[in-house]
């Protein structure tokens, strides 16, 4: 197991522990997982739906029909939808909790990130949203040090020169990361203005930002 996989596993475990402690879900709690994925046969990549005990009260949405089909195959009791996080197909306050792990940074620009946040706060009575910390001096998508400190979208341009290809498991040139927009704590607070921003640390500084809030 690589150091990146170990850190990811520890981080996910801690996020799920924090979720259970702060959100205190029960078997009656209605939950939406935005950007849902599963890894039912992996010990290293822990996903929310895999771990959550009351799947009959979980709904899941993802742009990828492949992810949704996999969830349906393994967990038929989950209500699954193919759809856009910026246009959620549920009525206001339909869910007790909206959960989303490391999705909002993949929405290309700040306007779409704000739109996703607005939709989460619309359909949810409370929410638990995580994203990588822009100022952490290592970019885990590209597996490159210090590029996150480059101004504006410099890390994206640098990543096209060389970055890690997760499917081929090696560093390559010409990989496009146009959909990636890393967020700061200030950005996340702007999107969720009434929420608490928690900085979660596994190493020497916070790698993850966690937004926890509820409707007023």
N, C-alpha and C. Protein backbone atom coordinates (compact mmCIF):
# COMPACT_ATOMS: atom_id res chain seq x y z
N UNK A 1 0.85 -1.19 0.00
CA UNK A 1 0.00 0.00 0.00
C UNK A 1 0.88 1.24 0.00
N UNK A 2 0.66 2.17 -0.93
CA UNK A 2 1.48 3.37 -1.02
C UNK A 2 1.15 4.33 0.10
N UNK A 3 2.05 5.29 0.32
CA UNK A 3 1.82 6.29 1.36
C UNK A 3 0.57 7.12 1.06
N UNK A 4 0.29 7.36 -0.23
CA UNK A 4 -0.89 8.12 -0.61
C UNK A 4 -2.16 7.36 -0.26
N UNK A 5 -2.15 6.06 -0.50
CA UNK A 5 -3.31 5.23 -0.18
C UNK A 5 -3.52 5.16 1.33
N UNK A 6 -2.44 5.04 2.08
CA UNK A 6 -2.55 4.99 3.55
C UNK A 6 -3.12 6.29 4.10
N UNK A 7 -2.60 7.43 3.59
CA UNK A 7 -3.10 8.72 4.06
C UNK A 7 -4.56 8.91 3.70
N UNK A 8 -4.93 8.49 2.48
CA UNK A 8 -6.32 8.61 2.06
C UNK A 8 -7.23 7.77 2.94
N UNK A 9 -6.80 6.57 3.28
CA UNK A 9 -7.62 5.70 4.12
C UNK A 9 -7.81 6.31 5.51
N UNK A 10 -6.73 6.80 6.10
CA UNK A 10 -6.82 7.43 7.43
C UNK A 10 -7.75 8.64 7.38
N UNK A 11 -7.59 9.46 6.34
CA UNK A 11 -8.40 10.66 6.20
C UNK A 11 -9.88 10.31 6.08
N UNK A 12 -10.21 9.32 5.24
CA UNK A 12 -11.61 8.94 5.06
C UNK A 12 -12.21 8.38 6.35
N UNK A 13 -11.44 7.57 7.05
CA UNK A 13 -11.93 7.02 8.32
C UNK A 13 -12.24 8.15 9.30
N UNK A 14 -11.35 9.11 9.41
CA UNK A 14 -11.56 10.23 10.33
C UNK A 14 -12.74 11.09 9.92
N UNK A 15 -12.91 11.28 8.61
CA UNK A 15 -14.07 12.06 8.14
C UNK A 15 -15.38 11.35 8.49
N UNK A 16 -15.42 10.04 8.31
CA UNK A 16 -16.64 9.29 8.63
C UNK A 16 -16.90 9.28 10.13
N UNK A 17 -15.84 9.18 10.92
CA UNK A 17 -16.00 9.25 12.38
C UNK A 17 -16.54 10.61 12.79
N UNK A 18 -16.01 11.68 12.19
CA UNK A 18 -16.50 13.02 12.49
C UNK A 18 -17.94 13.19 12.04
N UNK A 19 -18.26 12.66 10.87
CA UNK A 19 -19.65 12.71 10.38
C UNK A 19 -20.60 12.08 11.40
N UNK A 20 -20.30 10.89 11.85
CA UNK A 20 -21.18 10.19 12.79
C UNK A 20 -21.28 10.93 14.12
N UNK A 21 -20.18 11.53 14.56
CA UNK A 21 -20.18 12.24 15.83
C UNK A 21 -20.97 13.55 15.76
N UNK A 22 -20.80 14.29 14.67
CA UNK A 22 -21.46 15.60 14.57
C UNK A 22 -22.89 15.51 14.05
N UNK A 23 -23.13 14.61 13.10
CA UNK A 23 -24.45 14.54 12.46
C UNK A 23 -25.38 13.58 13.17
N UNK A 24 -24.82 12.59 13.87
CA UNK A 24 -25.59 11.66 14.69
C UNK A 24 -26.78 11.05 13.95
N UNK A 25 -26.53 10.40 12.81
CA UNK A 25 -27.64 9.83 12.04
C UNK A 25 -28.26 8.62 12.74
N UNK A 26 -29.53 8.37 12.46
CA UNK A 26 -30.22 7.19 12.95
C UNK A 26 -30.80 6.44 11.75
N UNK A 27 -31.45 5.31 12.00
CA UNK A 27 -32.00 4.53 10.90
C UNK A 27 -33.15 5.25 10.20
N UNK A 28 -33.71 6.31 10.82
CA UNK A 28 -34.78 7.08 10.18
C UNK A 28 -34.25 8.27 9.38
N UNK A 29 -32.97 8.59 9.52
CA UNK A 29 -32.40 9.77 8.88
C UNK A 29 -32.33 9.60 7.36
N UNK A 30 -32.87 10.57 6.64
CA UNK A 30 -32.80 10.54 5.18
C UNK A 30 -31.55 11.29 4.73
N UNK A 31 -30.69 10.58 3.97
CA UNK A 31 -29.39 11.13 3.58
C UNK A 31 -29.23 11.10 2.07
N UNK A 32 -28.66 12.18 1.53
CA UNK A 32 -28.28 12.24 0.13
C UNK A 32 -26.76 12.29 0.04
N UNK A 33 -26.18 11.41 -0.77
CA UNK A 33 -24.75 11.41 -1.05
C UNK A 33 -24.55 12.01 -2.44
N UNK A 34 -23.99 13.21 -2.50
CA UNK A 34 -23.77 13.91 -3.77
C UNK A 34 -22.39 13.55 -4.31
N UNK A 35 -22.38 13.04 -5.54
CA UNK A 35 -21.13 12.56 -6.12
C UNK A 35 -20.77 11.18 -5.61
N UNK A 36 -21.78 10.39 -5.31
CA UNK A 36 -21.58 9.10 -4.64
C UNK A 36 -20.77 8.12 -5.46
N UNK A 37 -19.87 7.43 -4.78
CA UNK A 37 -19.12 6.31 -5.33
C UNK A 37 -19.07 5.21 -4.29
N UNK A 38 -18.77 3.99 -4.72
CA UNK A 38 -18.56 2.89 -3.78
C UNK A 38 -17.32 2.12 -4.17
N UNK A 39 -16.76 1.41 -3.19
CA UNK A 39 -15.62 0.52 -3.40
C UNK A 39 -15.84 -0.72 -2.55
N UNK A 40 -16.82 -1.54 -2.90
CA UNK A 40 -17.23 -2.63 -2.01
C UNK A 40 -16.18 -3.71 -1.79
N UNK A 41 -15.22 -3.83 -2.69
CA UNK A 41 -14.21 -4.89 -2.57
C UNK A 41 -12.83 -4.35 -2.23
N UNK A 42 -12.77 -3.12 -1.75
CA UNK A 42 -11.48 -2.51 -1.43
C UNK A 42 -11.41 -2.17 0.05
N UNK A 43 -10.29 -2.51 0.67
CA UNK A 43 -10.08 -2.16 2.07
C UNK A 43 -9.45 -0.79 2.22
N UNK A 44 -8.95 -0.25 1.12
CA UNK A 44 -8.18 0.99 1.19
C UNK A 44 -9.01 2.23 0.85
N UNK A 45 -9.98 2.08 -0.03
CA UNK A 45 -10.74 3.23 -0.49
C UNK A 45 -12.13 3.19 0.14
N UNK A 46 -12.26 3.76 1.31
CA UNK A 46 -13.49 3.66 2.10
C UNK A 46 -14.47 4.74 1.65
N UNK A 47 -15.64 4.32 1.21
CA UNK A 47 -16.67 5.24 0.75
C UNK A 47 -17.85 5.26 1.73
N UNK A 48 -18.58 6.37 1.69
CA UNK A 48 -19.66 6.57 2.65
C UNK A 48 -20.71 5.45 2.59
N UNK A 49 -21.23 5.15 1.40
CA UNK A 49 -22.33 4.18 1.28
C UNK A 49 -21.87 2.80 1.71
N UNK A 50 -20.62 2.43 1.41
CA UNK A 50 -20.11 1.14 1.83
C UNK A 50 -20.19 0.97 3.36
N UNK A 51 -19.95 2.05 4.07
CA UNK A 51 -19.85 1.99 5.53
C UNK A 51 -21.17 2.29 6.25
N UNK A 52 -22.09 2.95 5.58
CA UNK A 52 -23.30 3.41 6.25
C UNK A 52 -24.26 2.23 6.47
N UNK A 53 -24.77 2.03 7.69
CA UNK A 53 -25.55 0.82 7.99
C UNK A 53 -26.99 0.82 7.49
N UNK A 54 -27.61 2.01 7.31
CA UNK A 54 -29.03 2.07 6.97
C UNK A 54 -29.19 2.55 5.52
N UNK A 55 -28.84 1.71 4.59
CA UNK A 55 -28.79 2.11 3.18
C UNK A 55 -30.18 2.35 2.58
N UNK A 56 -31.22 1.81 3.19
CA UNK A 56 -32.57 1.98 2.64
C UNK A 56 -33.05 3.43 2.75
N UNK A 57 -32.38 4.25 3.54
CA UNK A 57 -32.74 5.66 3.65
C UNK A 57 -31.70 6.57 3.00
N UNK A 58 -30.88 6.00 2.12
CA UNK A 58 -29.85 6.77 1.42
C UNK A 58 -30.24 6.96 -0.04
N UNK A 59 -30.06 8.18 -0.54
CA UNK A 59 -30.16 8.47 -1.97
C UNK A 59 -28.78 8.85 -2.46
N UNK A 60 -28.50 8.57 -3.73
CA UNK A 60 -27.18 8.84 -4.30
C UNK A 60 -27.32 9.45 -5.67
N UNK A 61 -26.47 10.44 -5.97
CA UNK A 61 -26.47 11.06 -7.29
C UNK A 61 -25.04 11.23 -7.77
N UNK A 62 -24.84 10.99 -9.07
CA UNK A 62 -23.53 11.15 -9.69
C UNK A 62 -23.74 11.39 -11.18
N UNK A 63 -22.87 12.19 -11.79
CA UNK A 63 -22.94 12.41 -13.23
C UNK A 63 -22.64 11.15 -14.02
N UNK A 64 -21.86 10.25 -13.43
CA UNK A 64 -21.42 9.04 -14.11
C UNK A 64 -22.45 7.92 -13.98
N UNK A 65 -22.96 7.45 -15.10
CA UNK A 65 -23.90 6.33 -15.07
C UNK A 65 -23.20 5.05 -14.61
N UNK A 66 -21.89 4.95 -14.83
CA UNK A 66 -21.15 3.77 -14.39
C UNK A 66 -21.12 3.68 -12.87
N UNK A 67 -20.87 4.80 -12.21
CA UNK A 67 -20.88 4.80 -10.74
C UNK A 67 -22.27 4.45 -10.21
N UNK A 68 -23.28 5.02 -10.83
CA UNK A 68 -24.65 4.77 -10.38
C UNK A 68 -25.04 3.31 -10.60
N UNK A 69 -24.65 2.74 -11.72
CA UNK A 69 -24.94 1.33 -12.00
C UNK A 69 -24.27 0.41 -10.99
N UNK A 70 -23.04 0.75 -10.60
CA UNK A 70 -22.32 -0.06 -9.62
C UNK A 70 -23.01 -0.01 -8.27
N UNK A 71 -23.46 1.17 -7.85
CA UNK A 71 -24.18 1.29 -6.59
C UNK A 71 -25.46 0.46 -6.64
N UNK A 72 -26.18 0.55 -7.74
CA UNK A 72 -27.42 -0.20 -7.90
C UNK A 72 -27.17 -1.71 -7.84
N UNK A 73 -26.05 -2.13 -8.41
CA UNK A 73 -25.71 -3.56 -8.42
C UNK A 73 -25.45 -4.09 -7.02
N UNK A 74 -24.67 -3.35 -6.23
CA UNK A 74 -24.27 -3.83 -4.91
C UNK A 74 -25.27 -3.48 -3.82
N UNK A 75 -25.93 -2.33 -3.97
CA UNK A 75 -26.84 -1.85 -2.93
C UNK A 75 -28.17 -1.44 -3.55
N UNK A 76 -28.99 -2.41 -3.95
CA UNK A 76 -30.25 -2.09 -4.64
C UNK A 76 -31.25 -1.30 -3.79
N UNK A 77 -31.05 -1.29 -2.48
CA UNK A 77 -31.96 -0.55 -1.61
C UNK A 77 -31.71 0.95 -1.65
N UNK A 78 -30.56 1.39 -2.20
CA UNK A 78 -30.24 2.81 -2.31
C UNK A 78 -30.97 3.42 -3.50
N UNK A 79 -31.59 4.58 -3.30
CA UNK A 79 -32.24 5.32 -4.38
C UNK A 79 -31.17 6.05 -5.18
N UNK A 80 -30.91 5.60 -6.42
CA UNK A 80 -29.80 6.15 -7.20
C UNK A 80 -30.31 6.97 -8.38
N UNK A 81 -29.61 8.05 -8.67
CA UNK A 81 -29.97 8.93 -9.79
C UNK A 81 -28.69 9.36 -10.53
N UNK A 82 -28.77 9.43 -11.85
CA UNK A 82 -27.74 10.09 -12.64
C UNK A 82 -28.14 11.56 -12.73
N UNK A 83 -27.25 12.45 -12.32
CA UNK A 83 -27.63 13.86 -12.35
C UNK A 83 -26.51 14.78 -11.93
N UNK A 84 -26.80 16.08 -12.01
CA UNK A 84 -25.84 17.16 -11.80
C UNK A 84 -25.99 17.70 -10.38
N UNK A 85 -24.87 17.84 -9.66
CA UNK A 85 -24.88 18.39 -8.31
C UNK A 85 -25.36 19.83 -8.27
N UNK A 86 -25.33 20.50 -9.42
CA UNK A 86 -25.78 21.89 -9.48
C UNK A 86 -27.27 22.01 -9.82
N UNK A 87 -27.92 20.88 -9.98
CA UNK A 87 -29.36 20.88 -10.29
C UNK A 87 -29.98 19.62 -9.71
N UNK A 88 -30.10 19.57 -8.41
CA UNK A 88 -30.55 18.36 -7.72
C UNK A 88 -32.06 18.16 -7.89
N UNK A 89 -32.50 16.95 -8.25
CA UNK A 89 -33.91 16.71 -8.58
C UNK A 89 -34.78 16.34 -7.38
N UNK A 90 -34.66 17.12 -6.30
CA UNK A 90 -35.49 16.88 -5.13
C UNK A 90 -36.06 18.20 -4.63
N UNK A 91 -37.14 18.10 -3.92
CA UNK A 91 -37.79 19.31 -3.40
C UNK A 91 -37.01 19.87 -2.21
N UNK A 92 -37.37 21.09 -1.82
CA UNK A 92 -36.70 21.76 -0.72
C UNK A 92 -36.79 20.94 0.57
N UNK A 93 -35.65 20.85 1.28
CA UNK A 93 -35.55 20.19 2.59
C UNK A 93 -36.04 18.75 2.55
N UNK A 94 -35.79 18.07 1.45
CA UNK A 94 -36.22 16.68 1.33
C UNK A 94 -35.37 15.76 2.20
N UNK A 95 -34.11 16.14 2.45
CA UNK A 95 -33.19 15.28 3.19
C UNK A 95 -32.84 15.87 4.55
N UNK A 96 -32.64 14.99 5.51
CA UNK A 96 -32.17 15.42 6.82
C UNK A 96 -30.70 15.84 6.74
N UNK A 97 -29.91 15.09 5.97
CA UNK A 97 -28.48 15.38 5.82
C UNK A 97 -28.09 15.22 4.35
N UNK A 98 -27.29 16.15 3.85
CA UNK A 98 -26.64 16.00 2.55
C UNK A 98 -25.14 15.82 2.81
N UNK A 99 -24.60 14.74 2.27
CA UNK A 99 -23.19 14.41 2.43
C UNK A 99 -22.51 14.50 1.06
N UNK A 100 -21.30 15.06 1.02
CA UNK A 100 -20.54 15.10 -0.23
C UNK A 100 -19.06 15.12 0.10
N UNK A 101 -18.33 14.15 -0.42
CA UNK A 101 -16.91 14.04 -0.12
C UNK A 101 -16.08 14.29 -1.38
N UNK A 102 -15.28 15.36 -1.35
CA UNK A 102 -14.30 15.65 -2.41
C UNK A 102 -14.92 15.68 -3.79
N UNK A 103 -16.01 16.43 -3.91
CA UNK A 103 -16.69 16.60 -5.20
C UNK A 103 -16.64 18.05 -5.66
N UNK A 104 -16.86 18.97 -4.76
CA UNK A 104 -17.05 20.38 -5.12
C UNK A 104 -15.82 20.98 -5.80
N UNK A 105 -14.62 20.42 -5.57
CA UNK A 105 -13.42 20.95 -6.22
C UNK A 105 -13.33 20.56 -7.69
N UNK A 106 -14.25 19.70 -8.15
CA UNK A 106 -14.22 19.25 -9.55
C UNK A 106 -15.23 19.98 -10.44
N UNK A 107 -15.70 21.14 -10.01
CA UNK A 107 -16.76 21.83 -10.73
C UNK A 107 -16.28 23.01 -11.57
N UNK A 108 -15.01 23.03 -11.95
CA UNK A 108 -14.46 23.92 -12.97
C UNK A 108 -14.29 25.37 -12.54
N UNK A 109 -15.28 25.96 -11.90
CA UNK A 109 -15.19 27.38 -11.56
C UNK A 109 -16.00 27.68 -10.31
N UNK A 110 -15.76 28.87 -9.77
CA UNK A 110 -16.36 29.25 -8.50
C UNK A 110 -17.87 29.41 -8.62
N UNK A 111 -18.36 29.83 -9.77
CA UNK A 111 -19.80 30.00 -9.94
C UNK A 111 -20.54 28.67 -9.80
N UNK A 112 -19.99 27.62 -10.40
CA UNK A 112 -20.62 26.30 -10.28
C UNK A 112 -20.47 25.75 -8.85
N UNK A 113 -19.38 26.06 -8.20
CA UNK A 113 -19.22 25.64 -6.81
C UNK A 113 -20.28 26.30 -5.92
N UNK A 114 -20.53 27.57 -6.16
CA UNK A 114 -21.57 28.26 -5.40
C UNK A 114 -22.95 27.69 -5.71
N UNK A 115 -23.16 27.31 -6.97
CA UNK A 115 -24.44 26.72 -7.35
C UNK A 115 -24.65 25.37 -6.67
N UNK A 116 -23.60 24.54 -6.62
CA UNK A 116 -23.71 23.26 -5.92
C UNK A 116 -24.03 23.48 -4.45
N UNK A 117 -23.35 24.44 -3.83
CA UNK A 117 -23.61 24.73 -2.42
C UNK A 117 -25.05 25.18 -2.20
N UNK A 118 -25.55 26.02 -3.09
CA UNK A 118 -26.94 26.49 -2.97
C UNK A 118 -27.92 25.33 -3.07
N UNK A 119 -27.66 24.39 -3.98
CA UNK A 119 -28.53 23.24 -4.14
C UNK A 119 -28.48 22.32 -2.91
N UNK A 120 -27.28 22.13 -2.35
CA UNK A 120 -27.15 21.32 -1.14
C UNK A 120 -27.95 21.93 0.00
N UNK A 121 -27.82 23.24 0.17
CA UNK A 121 -28.54 23.91 1.26
C UNK A 121 -30.04 23.97 0.99
N UNK A 122 -30.43 23.89 -0.27
CA UNK A 122 -31.86 23.89 -0.61
C UNK A 122 -32.52 22.56 -0.26
N UNK A 123 -31.90 21.46 -0.67
CA UNK A 123 -32.55 20.15 -0.48
C UNK A 123 -32.27 19.54 0.89
N UNK A 124 -31.28 20.07 1.62
CA UNK A 124 -30.91 19.48 2.89
C UNK A 124 -31.25 20.35 4.10
N UNK A 125 -31.63 19.69 5.18
CA UNK A 125 -31.82 20.39 6.45
C UNK A 125 -30.48 20.63 7.13
N UNK A 126 -29.51 19.77 6.82
CA UNK A 126 -28.14 19.94 7.30
C UNK A 126 -27.20 19.34 6.26
N UNK A 127 -25.90 19.61 6.39
CA UNK A 127 -24.96 19.16 5.37
C UNK A 127 -23.57 18.96 5.95
N UNK A 128 -22.83 18.08 5.28
CA UNK A 128 -21.46 17.72 5.65
C UNK A 128 -20.71 17.58 4.33
N UNK A 129 -19.90 18.59 4.00
CA UNK A 129 -19.25 18.68 2.68
C UNK A 129 -17.74 18.81 2.88
N UNK A 130 -16.97 17.98 2.18
CA UNK A 130 -15.52 18.02 2.32
C UNK A 130 -14.85 18.35 0.99
N UNK A 131 -13.64 18.92 1.10
CA UNK A 131 -12.85 19.24 -0.09
C UNK A 131 -11.39 19.37 0.33
N UNK A 132 -10.43 19.09 -0.56
CA UNK A 132 -9.02 19.29 -0.22
C UNK A 132 -8.71 20.76 0.05
N UNK A 133 -7.78 20.99 0.93
CA UNK A 133 -7.35 22.34 1.27
C UNK A 133 -6.39 22.88 0.22
N UNK A 134 -6.75 23.96 -0.44
CA UNK A 134 -5.92 24.56 -1.49
C UNK A 134 -4.50 24.84 -1.00
N UNK A 135 -4.35 25.24 0.27
CA UNK A 135 -3.04 25.69 0.74
C UNK A 135 -2.16 24.57 1.28
N UNK A 136 -2.66 23.33 1.27
CA UNK A 136 -1.79 22.22 1.64
C UNK A 136 -0.71 22.08 0.56
N UNK A 137 0.57 21.96 0.95
CA UNK A 137 1.66 22.02 -0.05
C UNK A 137 1.88 20.74 -0.84
N UNK A 138 0.82 20.01 -1.10
CA UNK A 138 0.91 18.84 -1.97
C UNK A 138 -0.45 18.64 -2.60
N UNK A 139 -0.49 18.43 -3.93
CA UNK A 139 -1.74 18.24 -4.64
C UNK A 139 -1.93 16.75 -4.88
N UNK A 140 -2.97 16.16 -4.26
CA UNK A 140 -3.12 14.71 -4.28
C UNK A 140 -3.70 14.18 -5.59
N UNK A 141 -4.41 15.00 -6.34
CA UNK A 141 -4.89 14.55 -7.64
C UNK A 141 -3.70 14.35 -8.60
N UNK A 142 -2.80 15.33 -8.60
CA UNK A 142 -1.66 15.31 -9.51
C UNK A 142 -0.43 14.65 -8.88
N UNK A 143 -0.45 14.53 -7.55
CA UNK A 143 0.68 14.02 -6.77
C UNK A 143 1.93 14.84 -7.04
N UNK A 144 1.76 16.17 -6.85
CA UNK A 144 2.86 17.10 -7.07
C UNK A 144 3.01 18.01 -5.85
N UNK A 145 4.26 18.29 -5.42
CA UNK A 145 4.47 19.18 -4.29
C UNK A 145 4.46 20.65 -4.69
N UNK A 146 3.94 21.49 -3.80
CA UNK A 146 4.03 22.95 -3.86
C UNK A 146 3.28 23.61 -5.02
N UNK A 147 2.71 22.86 -5.95
CA UNK A 147 2.04 23.50 -7.09
C UNK A 147 0.78 24.26 -6.65
N UNK A 148 0.20 23.89 -5.53
CA UNK A 148 -1.01 24.57 -5.06
C UNK A 148 -0.71 26.00 -4.60
N UNK A 149 0.55 26.34 -4.42
CA UNK A 149 0.93 27.69 -4.02
C UNK A 149 1.13 28.61 -5.22
N UNK A 150 1.05 28.07 -6.42
CA UNK A 150 1.17 28.91 -7.61
C UNK A 150 -0.06 29.82 -7.71
N UNK A 151 0.08 31.04 -8.21
CA UNK A 151 -1.06 31.96 -8.29
C UNK A 151 -2.12 31.49 -9.27
N UNK A 152 -3.35 31.92 -8.99
CA UNK A 152 -4.50 31.61 -9.83
C UNK A 152 -4.58 30.11 -10.11
N UNK A 153 -4.64 29.73 -11.38
CA UNK A 153 -4.74 28.31 -11.74
C UNK A 153 -3.42 27.76 -12.22
N UNK A 154 -2.33 28.25 -11.66
CA UNK A 154 -1.01 27.81 -12.08
C UNK A 154 -0.79 26.33 -11.88
N UNK A 155 -1.43 25.76 -10.86
CA UNK A 155 -1.25 24.33 -10.62
C UNK A 155 -1.83 23.49 -11.76
N UNK A 156 -2.89 23.98 -12.40
CA UNK A 156 -3.47 23.26 -13.54
C UNK A 156 -2.51 23.28 -14.72
N UNK A 157 -1.94 24.45 -15.01
CA UNK A 157 -1.00 24.56 -16.13
C UNK A 157 0.25 23.71 -15.88
N UNK A 158 0.72 23.71 -14.64
CA UNK A 158 1.90 22.91 -14.32
C UNK A 158 1.57 21.42 -14.45
N UNK A 159 0.37 21.05 -14.03
CA UNK A 159 -0.03 19.64 -14.10
C UNK A 159 -0.11 19.10 -15.51
N UNK A 160 -0.29 19.99 -16.49
CA UNK A 160 -0.29 19.54 -17.89
C UNK A 160 1.12 19.20 -18.36
N UNK A 161 2.12 19.79 -17.70
CA UNK A 161 3.52 19.49 -18.05
C UNK A 161 3.86 18.09 -17.55
N UNK A 162 3.52 17.81 -16.30
CA UNK A 162 3.70 16.47 -15.76
C UNK A 162 2.80 16.30 -14.53
N UNK A 163 2.12 15.19 -14.45
CA UNK A 163 1.33 14.86 -13.26
C UNK A 163 1.02 13.37 -13.28
N UNK A 164 0.45 12.90 -12.20
CA UNK A 164 0.24 11.46 -12.02
C UNK A 164 -1.05 11.00 -12.68
N UNK A 165 -0.96 9.92 -13.45
CA UNK A 165 -2.13 9.31 -14.07
C UNK A 165 -2.56 8.13 -13.19
N UNK A 166 -3.72 8.26 -12.54
CA UNK A 166 -4.13 7.27 -11.54
C UNK A 166 -4.50 5.93 -12.15
N UNK A 167 -5.01 5.92 -13.36
CA UNK A 167 -5.37 4.66 -14.00
C UNK A 167 -4.12 3.90 -14.47
N UNK A 168 -3.16 4.63 -15.05
CA UNK A 168 -1.94 3.99 -15.55
C UNK A 168 -0.86 3.88 -14.48
N UNK A 169 -1.10 4.58 -13.34
CA UNK A 169 -0.20 4.51 -12.18
C UNK A 169 1.23 4.92 -12.52
N UNK A 170 1.33 6.05 -13.21
CA UNK A 170 2.65 6.61 -13.49
C UNK A 170 2.50 8.08 -13.84
N UNK A 171 3.61 8.82 -13.76
CA UNK A 171 3.60 10.23 -14.12
C UNK A 171 3.66 10.37 -15.64
N UNK A 172 2.85 11.31 -16.17
CA UNK A 172 2.77 11.50 -17.60
C UNK A 172 2.65 13.00 -17.91
N UNK A 173 2.83 13.34 -19.16
CA UNK A 173 2.66 14.72 -19.61
C UNK A 173 1.33 14.85 -20.35
N UNK A 174 0.84 16.08 -20.43
CA UNK A 174 -0.35 16.37 -21.23
C UNK A 174 -1.67 16.01 -20.61
N UNK A 175 -1.69 15.67 -19.32
CA UNK A 175 -2.96 15.34 -18.65
C UNK A 175 -3.71 16.63 -18.36
N UNK A 176 -4.96 16.70 -18.74
CA UNK A 176 -5.77 17.91 -18.52
C UNK A 176 -6.50 17.82 -17.19
N UNK A 177 -6.45 18.91 -16.44
CA UNK A 177 -7.14 18.99 -15.15
C UNK A 177 -8.07 20.20 -15.14
N UNK A 178 -8.71 20.49 -16.27
CA UNK A 178 -9.49 21.71 -16.43
C UNK A 178 -10.68 21.78 -15.47
N UNK A 179 -11.19 20.63 -15.04
CA UNK A 179 -12.37 20.65 -14.16
C UNK A 179 -12.01 20.91 -12.71
N UNK A 180 -10.70 20.93 -12.39
CA UNK A 180 -10.27 21.06 -11.00
C UNK A 180 -10.15 22.52 -10.59
N UNK A 181 -10.84 22.89 -9.51
CA UNK A 181 -10.64 24.19 -8.89
C UNK A 181 -10.57 24.00 -7.38
N UNK A 182 -9.34 24.01 -6.86
CA UNK A 182 -9.14 23.79 -5.44
C UNK A 182 -9.68 24.98 -4.64
N UNK A 183 -10.12 24.70 -3.41
CA UNK A 183 -10.78 25.71 -2.60
C UNK A 183 -10.01 26.00 -1.32
N UNK A 184 -10.10 27.23 -0.87
CA UNK A 184 -9.58 27.63 0.43
C UNK A 184 -10.73 27.62 1.44
N UNK A 185 -10.38 27.76 2.71
CA UNK A 185 -11.42 27.84 3.73
C UNK A 185 -12.32 29.06 3.49
N UNK A 186 -11.72 30.16 3.00
CA UNK A 186 -12.50 31.36 2.69
C UNK A 186 -13.49 31.09 1.56
N UNK A 187 -13.05 30.37 0.53
CA UNK A 187 -13.94 30.01 -0.57
C UNK A 187 -15.12 29.19 -0.07
N UNK A 188 -14.83 28.18 0.76
CA UNK A 188 -15.87 27.29 1.24
C UNK A 188 -16.87 28.05 2.12
N UNK A 189 -16.35 28.96 2.94
CA UNK A 189 -17.22 29.79 3.79
C UNK A 189 -18.09 30.70 2.94
N UNK A 190 -17.55 31.19 1.85
CA UNK A 190 -18.34 32.03 0.95
C UNK A 190 -19.50 31.24 0.35
N UNK A 191 -19.25 29.98 0.02
CA UNK A 191 -20.30 29.14 -0.56
C UNK A 191 -21.34 28.73 0.48
N UNK A 192 -20.89 28.50 1.72
CA UNK A 192 -21.78 28.07 2.80
C UNK A 192 -21.64 29.07 3.96
N UNK A 193 -22.19 30.27 3.82
CA UNK A 193 -21.88 31.37 4.74
C UNK A 193 -22.30 31.15 6.19
N UNK A 194 -23.30 30.32 6.44
CA UNK A 194 -23.76 30.12 7.82
C UNK A 194 -23.14 28.87 8.46
N UNK A 195 -22.19 28.25 7.79
CA UNK A 195 -21.66 26.97 8.22
C UNK A 195 -20.34 27.10 8.97
N UNK A 196 -20.01 26.03 9.66
CA UNK A 196 -18.73 25.91 10.36
C UNK A 196 -17.73 25.22 9.44
N UNK A 197 -16.52 25.75 9.33
CA UNK A 197 -15.47 25.15 8.53
C UNK A 197 -14.45 24.50 9.46
N UNK A 198 -14.29 23.19 9.31
CA UNK A 198 -13.36 22.42 10.14
C UNK A 198 -12.16 22.05 9.29
N UNK A 199 -10.97 22.23 9.85
CA UNK A 199 -9.74 21.86 9.15
C UNK A 199 -9.24 20.54 9.74
N UNK A 200 -9.29 19.49 8.91
CA UNK A 200 -8.88 18.17 9.38
C UNK A 200 -7.44 17.89 8.98
N UNK A 201 -6.67 17.43 9.97
CA UNK A 201 -5.24 17.20 9.74
C UNK A 201 -4.90 15.73 10.00
N UNK A 202 -4.16 15.13 9.06
CA UNK A 202 -3.58 13.80 9.24
C UNK A 202 -2.07 13.92 9.35
N UNK A 203 -1.47 14.86 8.61
CA UNK A 203 -0.03 15.07 8.65
C UNK A 203 0.29 16.33 9.45
N UNK A 204 1.18 17.18 8.96
CA UNK A 204 1.65 18.33 9.72
C UNK A 204 0.71 19.53 9.64
N UNK A 205 -0.20 19.56 8.65
CA UNK A 205 -1.19 20.63 8.56
C UNK A 205 -2.44 20.08 7.91
N UNK A 206 -3.50 20.86 7.92
CA UNK A 206 -4.80 20.36 7.44
C UNK A 206 -4.78 20.09 5.94
N UNK A 207 -5.06 18.84 5.57
CA UNK A 207 -5.20 18.47 4.18
C UNK A 207 -6.62 18.67 3.67
N UNK A 208 -7.58 18.63 4.59
CA UNK A 208 -9.00 18.60 4.22
C UNK A 208 -9.77 19.71 4.93
N UNK A 209 -10.69 20.33 4.19
CA UNK A 209 -11.64 21.28 4.76
C UNK A 209 -13.01 20.61 4.80
N UNK A 210 -13.69 20.76 5.93
CA UNK A 210 -15.01 20.14 6.11
C UNK A 210 -16.02 21.21 6.51
N UNK A 211 -17.08 21.31 5.73
CA UNK A 211 -18.12 22.29 5.98
C UNK A 211 -19.31 21.58 6.64
N UNK A 212 -19.71 22.05 7.81
CA UNK A 212 -20.84 21.47 8.55
C UNK A 212 -21.82 22.58 8.85
N UNK A 213 -23.08 22.38 8.46
CA UNK A 213 -24.07 23.42 8.70
C UNK A 213 -25.47 22.86 8.72
N UNK A 214 -26.42 23.74 9.05
CA UNK A 214 -27.82 23.37 9.06
C UNK A 214 -28.67 24.58 8.73
N UNK A 215 -29.88 24.31 8.29
CA UNK A 215 -30.79 25.39 7.93
C UNK A 215 -31.18 26.17 9.17
N UNK A 216 -31.25 27.48 9.01
CA UNK A 216 -31.61 28.34 10.15
C UNK A 216 -33.12 28.46 10.28
